[in-house]
Amino acid sequence: MKLLIINGPNLNMLGIREPDIYGKENYTALIAYIEDICRDNKVECDIFQSNHEGAIVDRIQQAYFEGVDGIVINPAAYTHTSVAILDALKAVSIPSVEVHLSKVSEREDFRQVSYAGMACVKTYAGFGFEGYKMAVEFLMEYLGKKS
């Protein structure tokens, strides 16, 4: 099973940006955490981060041609603004799970709409790094790769 893990804008600033909301661990720790989860579950993963909406759209489209089985996406701020990411996820029809480190439902009003989430089969928010583990395990079960 092959998963694409996409992280959006400012996630590369983990540990620096608002640690009270996003935690004190840095992006390198998040990558290591995801790689460990995937290795433990015998899942191939490609981890991608960009601060640019078009690059994220391009990477989603590329996943279609690579035969990616599932996508875990933390669109970050683009969650609430990007119809382009929504349309890309819908275009490729790859089962996707949305992840957010913080509990966005308890934050500002403008964070209450998730465009990307409209194309996802599941959302995990407010679980910190653990949300990525939940997303990987959910996709394994959803895709019939876990007993």
N, C-alpha and C. Protein backbone atom coordinates (compact mmCIF):
# COMPACT_ATOMS: atom_id res chain seq x y z
N MET A 1 0.83 -1.18 0.00
CA MET A 1 0.00 0.00 0.00
C MET A 1 0.88 1.24 0.00
N LYS A 2 0.51 2.20 -0.82
CA LYS A 2 1.28 3.43 -0.97
C LYS A 2 0.42 4.63 -0.58
N LEU A 3 0.92 5.43 0.39
CA LEU A 3 0.21 6.63 0.83
C LEU A 3 1.03 7.87 0.53
N LEU A 4 0.32 8.93 0.23
CA LEU A 4 0.92 10.25 0.10
C LEU A 4 0.46 11.06 1.30
N ILE A 5 1.42 11.64 2.01
CA ILE A 5 1.13 12.49 3.16
C ILE A 5 1.45 13.92 2.73
N ILE A 6 0.44 14.78 2.74
CA ILE A 6 0.62 16.17 2.31
C ILE A 6 0.43 17.09 3.51
N ASN A 7 1.38 17.98 3.70
CA ASN A 7 1.29 19.00 4.74
C ASN A 7 1.37 20.37 4.10
N GLY A 8 0.43 21.23 4.47
CA GLY A 8 0.32 22.54 3.87
C GLY A 8 1.15 23.62 4.54
N PRO A 9 0.75 24.87 4.30
CA PRO A 9 1.55 26.02 4.72
C PRO A 9 1.78 26.10 6.22
N ASN A 10 3.00 26.49 6.54
CA ASN A 10 3.47 26.76 7.89
C ASN A 10 3.70 25.53 8.75
N LEU A 11 3.38 24.34 8.25
CA LEU A 11 3.68 23.15 9.05
C LEU A 11 5.18 22.94 9.18
N ASN A 12 5.95 23.47 8.23
CA ASN A 12 7.40 23.42 8.35
C ASN A 12 7.89 24.27 9.53
N MET A 13 7.02 25.06 10.12
CA MET A 13 7.37 25.93 11.25
C MET A 13 6.91 25.36 12.59
N LEU A 14 6.54 24.08 12.60
CA LEU A 14 6.13 23.45 13.86
C LEU A 14 7.22 23.63 14.91
N GLY A 15 6.79 23.83 16.14
CA GLY A 15 7.71 24.04 17.25
C GLY A 15 8.09 25.50 17.43
N ILE A 16 7.91 26.28 16.37
CA ILE A 16 8.20 27.72 16.40
C ILE A 16 6.89 28.49 16.42
N ARG A 17 6.00 28.12 15.53
CA ARG A 17 4.73 28.85 15.36
C ARG A 17 3.71 28.40 16.40
N GLU A 18 3.27 29.30 17.22
CA GLU A 18 2.20 29.07 18.20
C GLU A 18 2.27 27.69 18.86
N PRO A 19 3.32 27.42 19.62
CA PRO A 19 3.47 26.09 20.22
C PRO A 19 2.34 25.72 21.19
N ASP A 20 1.64 26.71 21.72
CA ASP A 20 0.50 26.42 22.60
C ASP A 20 -0.65 25.78 21.82
N ILE A 21 -0.71 26.05 20.53
CA ILE A 21 -1.76 25.47 19.68
C ILE A 21 -1.25 24.22 18.97
N TYR A 22 -0.06 24.31 18.39
CA TYR A 22 0.43 23.25 17.50
C TYR A 22 1.46 22.32 18.13
N GLY A 23 1.87 22.60 19.34
CA GLY A 23 2.83 21.74 20.02
C GLY A 23 4.26 22.26 19.90
N LYS A 24 5.11 21.68 20.70
CA LYS A 24 6.51 22.12 20.77
C LYS A 24 7.45 21.30 19.89
N GLU A 25 6.97 20.17 19.37
CA GLU A 25 7.82 19.34 18.51
C GLU A 25 7.90 19.96 17.12
N ASN A 26 9.05 19.79 16.46
CA ASN A 26 9.26 20.43 15.17
C ASN A 26 8.82 19.53 14.01
N TYR A 27 8.94 20.07 12.80
CA TYR A 27 8.50 19.34 11.61
C TYR A 27 9.32 18.08 11.37
N THR A 28 10.60 18.13 11.70
CA THR A 28 11.45 16.94 11.56
C THR A 28 10.91 15.81 12.43
N ALA A 29 10.44 16.13 13.63
CA ALA A 29 9.86 15.12 14.53
C ALA A 29 8.57 14.56 13.94
N LEU A 30 7.77 15.41 13.30
CA LEU A 30 6.54 14.93 12.66
C LEU A 30 6.86 13.96 11.54
N ILE A 31 7.83 14.31 10.70
CA ILE A 31 8.22 13.41 9.61
C ILE A 31 8.68 12.07 10.16
N ALA A 32 9.52 12.07 11.18
CA ALA A 32 10.01 10.83 11.78
C ALA A 32 8.84 10.01 12.34
N TYR A 33 7.90 10.69 12.98
CA TYR A 33 6.72 10.02 13.54
C TYR A 33 5.92 9.32 12.44
N ILE A 34 5.66 10.03 11.35
CA ILE A 34 4.90 9.46 10.24
C ILE A 34 5.66 8.29 9.61
N GLU A 35 6.94 8.46 9.38
CA GLU A 35 7.75 7.39 8.79
C GLU A 35 7.74 6.14 9.67
N ASP A 36 7.83 6.31 10.99
CA ASP A 36 7.78 5.18 11.92
C ASP A 36 6.44 4.45 11.83
N ILE A 37 5.35 5.21 11.80
CA ILE A 37 4.01 4.61 11.70
C ILE A 37 3.91 3.79 10.42
N CYS A 38 4.33 4.38 9.32
CA CYS A 38 4.22 3.68 8.04
C CYS A 38 5.12 2.45 7.99
N ARG A 39 6.33 2.57 8.48
CA ARG A 39 7.24 1.42 8.51
C ARG A 39 6.65 0.30 9.37
N ASP A 40 6.14 0.64 10.55
CA ASP A 40 5.55 -0.36 11.45
C ASP A 40 4.36 -1.08 10.82
N ASN A 41 3.65 -0.37 9.93
CA ASN A 41 2.48 -0.95 9.28
C ASN A 41 2.77 -1.46 7.88
N LYS A 42 4.06 -1.45 7.50
CA LYS A 42 4.48 -1.92 6.18
C LYS A 42 3.77 -1.16 5.06
N VAL A 43 3.71 0.15 5.23
CA VAL A 43 3.09 1.05 4.27
C VAL A 43 4.17 1.93 3.66
N GLU A 44 4.19 2.00 2.35
CA GLU A 44 5.10 2.91 1.67
C GLU A 44 4.49 4.31 1.75
N CYS A 45 5.31 5.29 2.09
CA CYS A 45 4.76 6.64 2.15
C CYS A 45 5.71 7.65 1.53
N ASP A 46 5.12 8.68 0.97
CA ASP A 46 5.85 9.83 0.45
C ASP A 46 5.29 11.03 1.21
N ILE A 47 6.17 11.79 1.85
CA ILE A 47 5.75 12.94 2.63
C ILE A 47 6.13 14.20 1.88
N PHE A 48 5.15 15.08 1.72
CA PHE A 48 5.32 16.31 0.95
C PHE A 48 4.80 17.49 1.76
N GLN A 49 5.55 18.58 1.75
CA GLN A 49 5.11 19.81 2.41
C GLN A 49 5.34 20.97 1.47
N SER A 50 4.36 21.86 1.41
CA SER A 50 4.54 23.08 0.63
C SER A 50 3.72 24.21 1.24
N ASN A 51 4.25 25.41 1.07
CA ASN A 51 3.54 26.62 1.47
C ASN A 51 2.76 27.20 0.29
N HIS A 52 2.77 26.49 -0.84
CA HIS A 52 2.19 27.01 -2.07
C HIS A 52 1.02 26.14 -2.54
N GLU A 53 -0.12 26.77 -2.70
CA GLU A 53 -1.35 26.06 -3.08
C GLU A 53 -1.18 25.28 -4.39
N GLY A 54 -0.61 25.91 -5.40
CA GLY A 54 -0.44 25.24 -6.69
C GLY A 54 0.45 24.01 -6.60
N ALA A 55 1.48 24.07 -5.78
CA ALA A 55 2.36 22.92 -5.61
C ALA A 55 1.61 21.75 -4.97
N ILE A 56 0.71 22.06 -4.05
CA ILE A 56 -0.10 21.01 -3.41
C ILE A 56 -1.06 20.40 -4.44
N VAL A 57 -1.68 21.24 -5.24
CA VAL A 57 -2.57 20.75 -6.31
C VAL A 57 -1.78 19.87 -7.27
N ASP A 58 -0.60 20.32 -7.68
CA ASP A 58 0.23 19.52 -8.59
C ASP A 58 0.57 18.17 -7.97
N ARG A 59 0.89 18.15 -6.68
CA ARG A 59 1.29 16.90 -6.02
C ARG A 59 0.10 15.94 -5.92
N ILE A 60 -1.08 16.46 -5.67
CA ILE A 60 -2.29 15.61 -5.63
C ILE A 60 -2.51 14.99 -7.01
N GLN A 61 -2.41 15.80 -8.05
CA GLN A 61 -2.61 15.28 -9.41
C GLN A 61 -1.54 14.25 -9.76
N GLN A 62 -0.32 14.49 -9.38
CA GLN A 62 0.78 13.55 -9.66
C GLN A 62 0.51 12.20 -8.99
N ALA A 63 -0.10 12.23 -7.81
CA ALA A 63 -0.40 10.99 -7.07
C ALA A 63 -1.26 10.04 -7.90
N TYR A 64 -2.16 10.59 -8.69
CA TYR A 64 -3.03 9.78 -9.54
C TYR A 64 -2.20 8.93 -10.51
N PHE A 65 -1.19 9.54 -11.10
CA PHE A 65 -0.37 8.85 -12.10
C PHE A 65 0.67 7.93 -11.48
N GLU A 66 0.89 8.06 -10.17
CA GLU A 66 1.84 7.21 -9.45
C GLU A 66 1.17 5.99 -8.83
N GLY A 67 -0.14 5.90 -8.93
CA GLY A 67 -0.84 4.77 -8.34
C GLY A 67 -0.91 4.81 -6.82
N VAL A 68 -0.96 6.02 -6.26
CA VAL A 68 -1.09 6.17 -4.81
C VAL A 68 -2.45 5.61 -4.39
N ASP A 69 -2.46 4.82 -3.30
CA ASP A 69 -3.70 4.20 -2.81
C ASP A 69 -4.53 5.13 -1.95
N GLY A 70 -3.88 6.01 -1.18
CA GLY A 70 -4.59 6.90 -0.28
C GLY A 70 -3.77 8.14 0.02
N ILE A 71 -4.47 9.19 0.43
CA ILE A 71 -3.83 10.46 0.76
C ILE A 71 -4.22 10.86 2.18
N VAL A 72 -3.22 11.26 2.95
CA VAL A 72 -3.45 11.91 4.24
C VAL A 72 -3.05 13.35 4.02
N ILE A 73 -3.98 14.27 4.26
CA ILE A 73 -3.69 15.68 3.96
C ILE A 73 -4.02 16.57 5.15
N ASN A 74 -3.04 17.39 5.50
CA ASN A 74 -3.25 18.49 6.44
C ASN A 74 -3.08 19.76 5.61
N PRO A 75 -4.19 20.28 5.07
CA PRO A 75 -4.09 21.43 4.20
C PRO A 75 -3.77 22.73 4.94
N ALA A 76 -3.75 22.67 6.27
CA ALA A 76 -3.44 23.84 7.10
C ALA A 76 -4.37 24.99 6.71
N ALA A 77 -3.84 26.19 6.53
CA ALA A 77 -4.69 27.35 6.25
C ALA A 77 -5.49 27.20 4.96
N TYR A 78 -4.99 26.40 4.02
CA TYR A 78 -5.74 26.20 2.77
C TYR A 78 -7.03 25.40 3.00
N THR A 79 -7.16 24.80 4.15
CA THR A 79 -8.39 24.09 4.51
C THR A 79 -9.60 24.97 4.28
N HIS A 80 -9.46 26.23 4.69
CA HIS A 80 -10.59 27.15 4.75
C HIS A 80 -10.71 28.06 3.54
N THR A 81 -9.80 27.90 2.59
CA THR A 81 -9.80 28.83 1.45
C THR A 81 -9.69 28.18 0.09
N SER A 82 -9.22 26.94 0.01
CA SER A 82 -8.82 26.41 -1.29
C SER A 82 -9.84 25.48 -1.94
N VAL A 83 -10.58 26.06 -2.86
CA VAL A 83 -11.44 25.25 -3.72
C VAL A 83 -10.56 24.46 -4.69
N ALA A 84 -9.39 25.00 -5.03
CA ALA A 84 -8.47 24.30 -5.95
C ALA A 84 -8.02 22.96 -5.36
N ILE A 85 -7.70 22.92 -4.07
CA ILE A 85 -7.31 21.66 -3.44
C ILE A 85 -8.50 20.72 -3.37
N LEU A 86 -9.68 21.24 -3.04
CA LEU A 86 -10.91 20.42 -3.07
C LEU A 86 -11.09 19.80 -4.45
N ASP A 87 -11.01 20.61 -5.48
CA ASP A 87 -11.22 20.11 -6.84
C ASP A 87 -10.16 19.08 -7.24
N ALA A 88 -8.92 19.27 -6.82
CA ALA A 88 -7.87 18.31 -7.14
C ALA A 88 -8.14 16.97 -6.46
N LEU A 89 -8.54 17.01 -5.19
CA LEU A 89 -8.87 15.77 -4.48
C LEU A 89 -10.05 15.06 -5.14
N LYS A 90 -11.05 15.83 -5.55
CA LYS A 90 -12.20 15.23 -6.23
C LYS A 90 -11.80 14.66 -7.60
N ALA A 91 -10.92 15.35 -8.29
CA ALA A 91 -10.51 14.92 -9.64
C ALA A 91 -9.81 13.57 -9.61
N VAL A 92 -8.94 13.35 -8.63
CA VAL A 92 -8.17 12.11 -8.62
C VAL A 92 -8.93 10.95 -7.98
N SER A 93 -9.94 11.24 -7.20
CA SER A 93 -10.77 10.21 -6.55
C SER A 93 -9.95 9.19 -5.77
N ILE A 94 -8.87 9.65 -5.15
CA ILE A 94 -8.07 8.79 -4.27
C ILE A 94 -8.62 8.96 -2.86
N PRO A 95 -8.96 7.89 -2.16
CA PRO A 95 -9.47 8.05 -0.79
C PRO A 95 -8.51 8.89 0.05
N SER A 96 -9.06 9.93 0.65
CA SER A 96 -8.25 10.88 1.40
C SER A 96 -8.81 11.10 2.80
N VAL A 97 -7.89 11.34 3.73
CA VAL A 97 -8.24 11.64 5.12
C VAL A 97 -7.61 12.97 5.48
N GLU A 98 -8.42 13.85 6.03
CA GLU A 98 -7.97 15.17 6.47
C GLU A 98 -7.49 15.08 7.92
N VAL A 99 -6.36 15.73 8.20
CA VAL A 99 -5.79 15.75 9.55
C VAL A 99 -5.48 17.20 9.94
N HIS A 100 -5.77 17.53 11.19
CA HIS A 100 -5.38 18.82 11.77
C HIS A 100 -4.82 18.57 13.15
N LEU A 101 -3.71 19.20 13.46
CA LEU A 101 -3.10 19.05 14.78
C LEU A 101 -4.00 19.63 15.86
N SER A 102 -4.62 20.76 15.58
CA SER A 102 -5.47 21.43 16.57
C SER A 102 -6.94 21.07 16.33
N LYS A 103 -7.74 21.37 17.32
CA LYS A 103 -9.18 21.13 17.21
C LYS A 103 -9.80 22.37 16.57
N VAL A 104 -9.83 22.37 15.24
CA VAL A 104 -10.27 23.56 14.51
C VAL A 104 -11.71 23.93 14.82
N SER A 105 -12.53 22.96 15.21
CA SER A 105 -13.93 23.25 15.52
C SER A 105 -14.09 24.16 16.72
N GLU A 106 -13.04 24.30 17.53
CA GLU A 106 -13.09 25.16 18.71
C GLU A 106 -12.29 26.45 18.52
N ARG A 107 -11.96 26.75 17.28
CA ARG A 107 -11.15 27.94 17.00
C ARG A 107 -11.98 29.01 16.31
N GLU A 108 -11.35 29.94 15.65
CA GLU A 108 -12.02 31.09 15.05
C GLU A 108 -13.12 30.68 14.07
N ASP A 109 -14.08 31.59 13.92
CA ASP A 109 -15.22 31.33 13.02
C ASP A 109 -14.78 31.00 11.60
N PHE A 110 -13.75 31.69 11.09
CA PHE A 110 -13.34 31.47 9.71
C PHE A 110 -12.75 30.08 9.49
N ARG A 111 -12.43 29.37 10.57
CA ARG A 111 -11.87 28.03 10.45
C ARG A 111 -12.95 26.94 10.47
N GLN A 112 -14.19 27.31 10.42
CA GLN A 112 -15.27 26.32 10.56
C GLN A 112 -15.66 25.64 9.26
N VAL A 113 -15.16 26.14 8.14
CA VAL A 113 -15.44 25.50 6.84
C VAL A 113 -14.17 24.83 6.35
N SER A 114 -14.30 23.56 5.98
CA SER A 114 -13.17 22.84 5.40
C SER A 114 -13.52 22.43 3.98
N TYR A 115 -12.92 23.13 3.03
CA TYR A 115 -13.14 22.76 1.63
C TYR A 115 -12.52 21.40 1.33
N ALA A 116 -11.28 21.20 1.74
CA ALA A 116 -10.62 19.91 1.48
C ALA A 116 -11.39 18.77 2.12
N GLY A 117 -11.91 19.00 3.30
CA GLY A 117 -12.67 17.96 4.01
C GLY A 117 -13.88 17.48 3.24
N MET A 118 -14.41 18.31 2.36
CA MET A 118 -15.57 17.93 1.57
C MET A 118 -15.25 16.78 0.61
N ALA A 119 -13.96 16.57 0.32
CA ALA A 119 -13.54 15.49 -0.58
C ALA A 119 -12.91 14.32 0.19
N CYS A 120 -12.92 14.40 1.51
CA CYS A 120 -12.26 13.37 2.32
C CYS A 120 -13.28 12.41 2.92
N VAL A 121 -12.83 11.18 3.15
CA VAL A 121 -13.72 10.16 3.73
C VAL A 121 -13.73 10.23 5.25
N LYS A 122 -12.78 10.96 5.83
CA LYS A 122 -12.69 11.04 7.29
C LYS A 122 -11.84 12.26 7.64
N THR A 123 -12.07 12.81 8.84
CA THR A 123 -11.27 13.91 9.37
C THR A 123 -10.89 13.61 10.81
N TYR A 124 -9.63 13.87 11.14
CA TYR A 124 -9.14 13.79 12.52
C TYR A 124 -8.58 15.15 12.88
N ALA A 125 -9.12 15.77 13.91
CA ALA A 125 -8.67 17.10 14.33
C ALA A 125 -8.51 17.14 15.84
N GLY A 126 -7.42 17.74 16.28
CA GLY A 126 -7.21 17.94 17.70
C GLY A 126 -6.45 16.83 18.40
N PHE A 127 -5.86 15.93 17.64
CA PHE A 127 -5.13 14.80 18.23
C PHE A 127 -3.62 14.97 18.13
N GLY A 128 -3.15 16.14 17.68
CA GLY A 128 -1.72 16.34 17.50
C GLY A 128 -1.16 15.37 16.48
N PHE A 129 0.09 14.92 16.70
CA PHE A 129 0.72 13.98 15.78
C PHE A 129 -0.09 12.69 15.66
N GLU A 130 -0.75 12.29 16.74
CA GLU A 130 -1.52 11.04 16.77
C GLU A 130 -2.57 10.99 15.65
N GLY A 131 -3.06 12.14 15.22
CA GLY A 131 -4.03 12.18 14.14
C GLY A 131 -3.52 11.55 12.86
N TYR A 132 -2.22 11.66 12.61
CA TYR A 132 -1.63 11.05 11.43
C TYR A 132 -1.65 9.52 11.54
N LYS A 133 -1.37 9.03 12.72
CA LYS A 133 -1.44 7.57 12.95
C LYS A 133 -2.87 7.08 12.73
N MET A 134 -3.82 7.82 13.29
CA MET A 134 -5.23 7.44 13.12
C MET A 134 -5.62 7.43 11.64
N ALA A 135 -5.13 8.41 10.90
CA ALA A 135 -5.46 8.51 9.47
C ALA A 135 -4.85 7.35 8.68
N VAL A 136 -3.59 7.02 8.96
CA VAL A 136 -2.94 5.90 8.26
C VAL A 136 -3.68 4.60 8.56
N GLU A 137 -3.97 4.36 9.83
CA GLU A 137 -4.66 3.12 10.21
C GLU A 137 -6.07 3.07 9.64
N PHE A 138 -6.75 4.21 9.61
CA PHE A 138 -8.09 4.24 9.00
C PHE A 138 -8.01 3.89 7.52
N LEU A 139 -7.05 4.49 6.80
CA LEU A 139 -6.94 4.20 5.37
C LEU A 139 -6.58 2.74 5.11
N MET A 140 -5.75 2.16 5.96
CA MET A 140 -5.42 0.74 5.81
C MET A 140 -6.69 -0.11 5.92
N GLU A 141 -7.50 0.20 6.90
CA GLU A 141 -8.74 -0.56 7.08
C GLU A 141 -9.72 -0.25 5.94
N TYR A 142 -9.85 1.01 5.61
CA TYR A 142 -10.77 1.45 4.55
C TYR A 142 -10.43 0.80 3.22
N LEU A 143 -9.13 0.66 2.96
CA LEU A 143 -8.68 0.08 1.70
C LEU A 143 -8.50 -1.44 1.78
N GLY A 144 -8.86 -2.03 2.93
CA GLY A 144 -8.79 -3.47 3.08
C GLY A 144 -7.38 -4.01 3.20
N LYS A 145 -6.46 -3.21 3.72
CA LYS A 145 -5.06 -3.62 3.85
C LYS A 145 -4.70 -3.99 5.27
N LYS A 146 -5.68 -3.95 6.16
CA LYS A 146 -5.40 -4.27 7.58
C LYS A 146 -6.44 -5.27 8.05
N SER A 147 -5.97 -6.28 8.74
CA SER A 147 -6.92 -7.31 9.22
C SER A 147 -7.45 -6.96 10.58
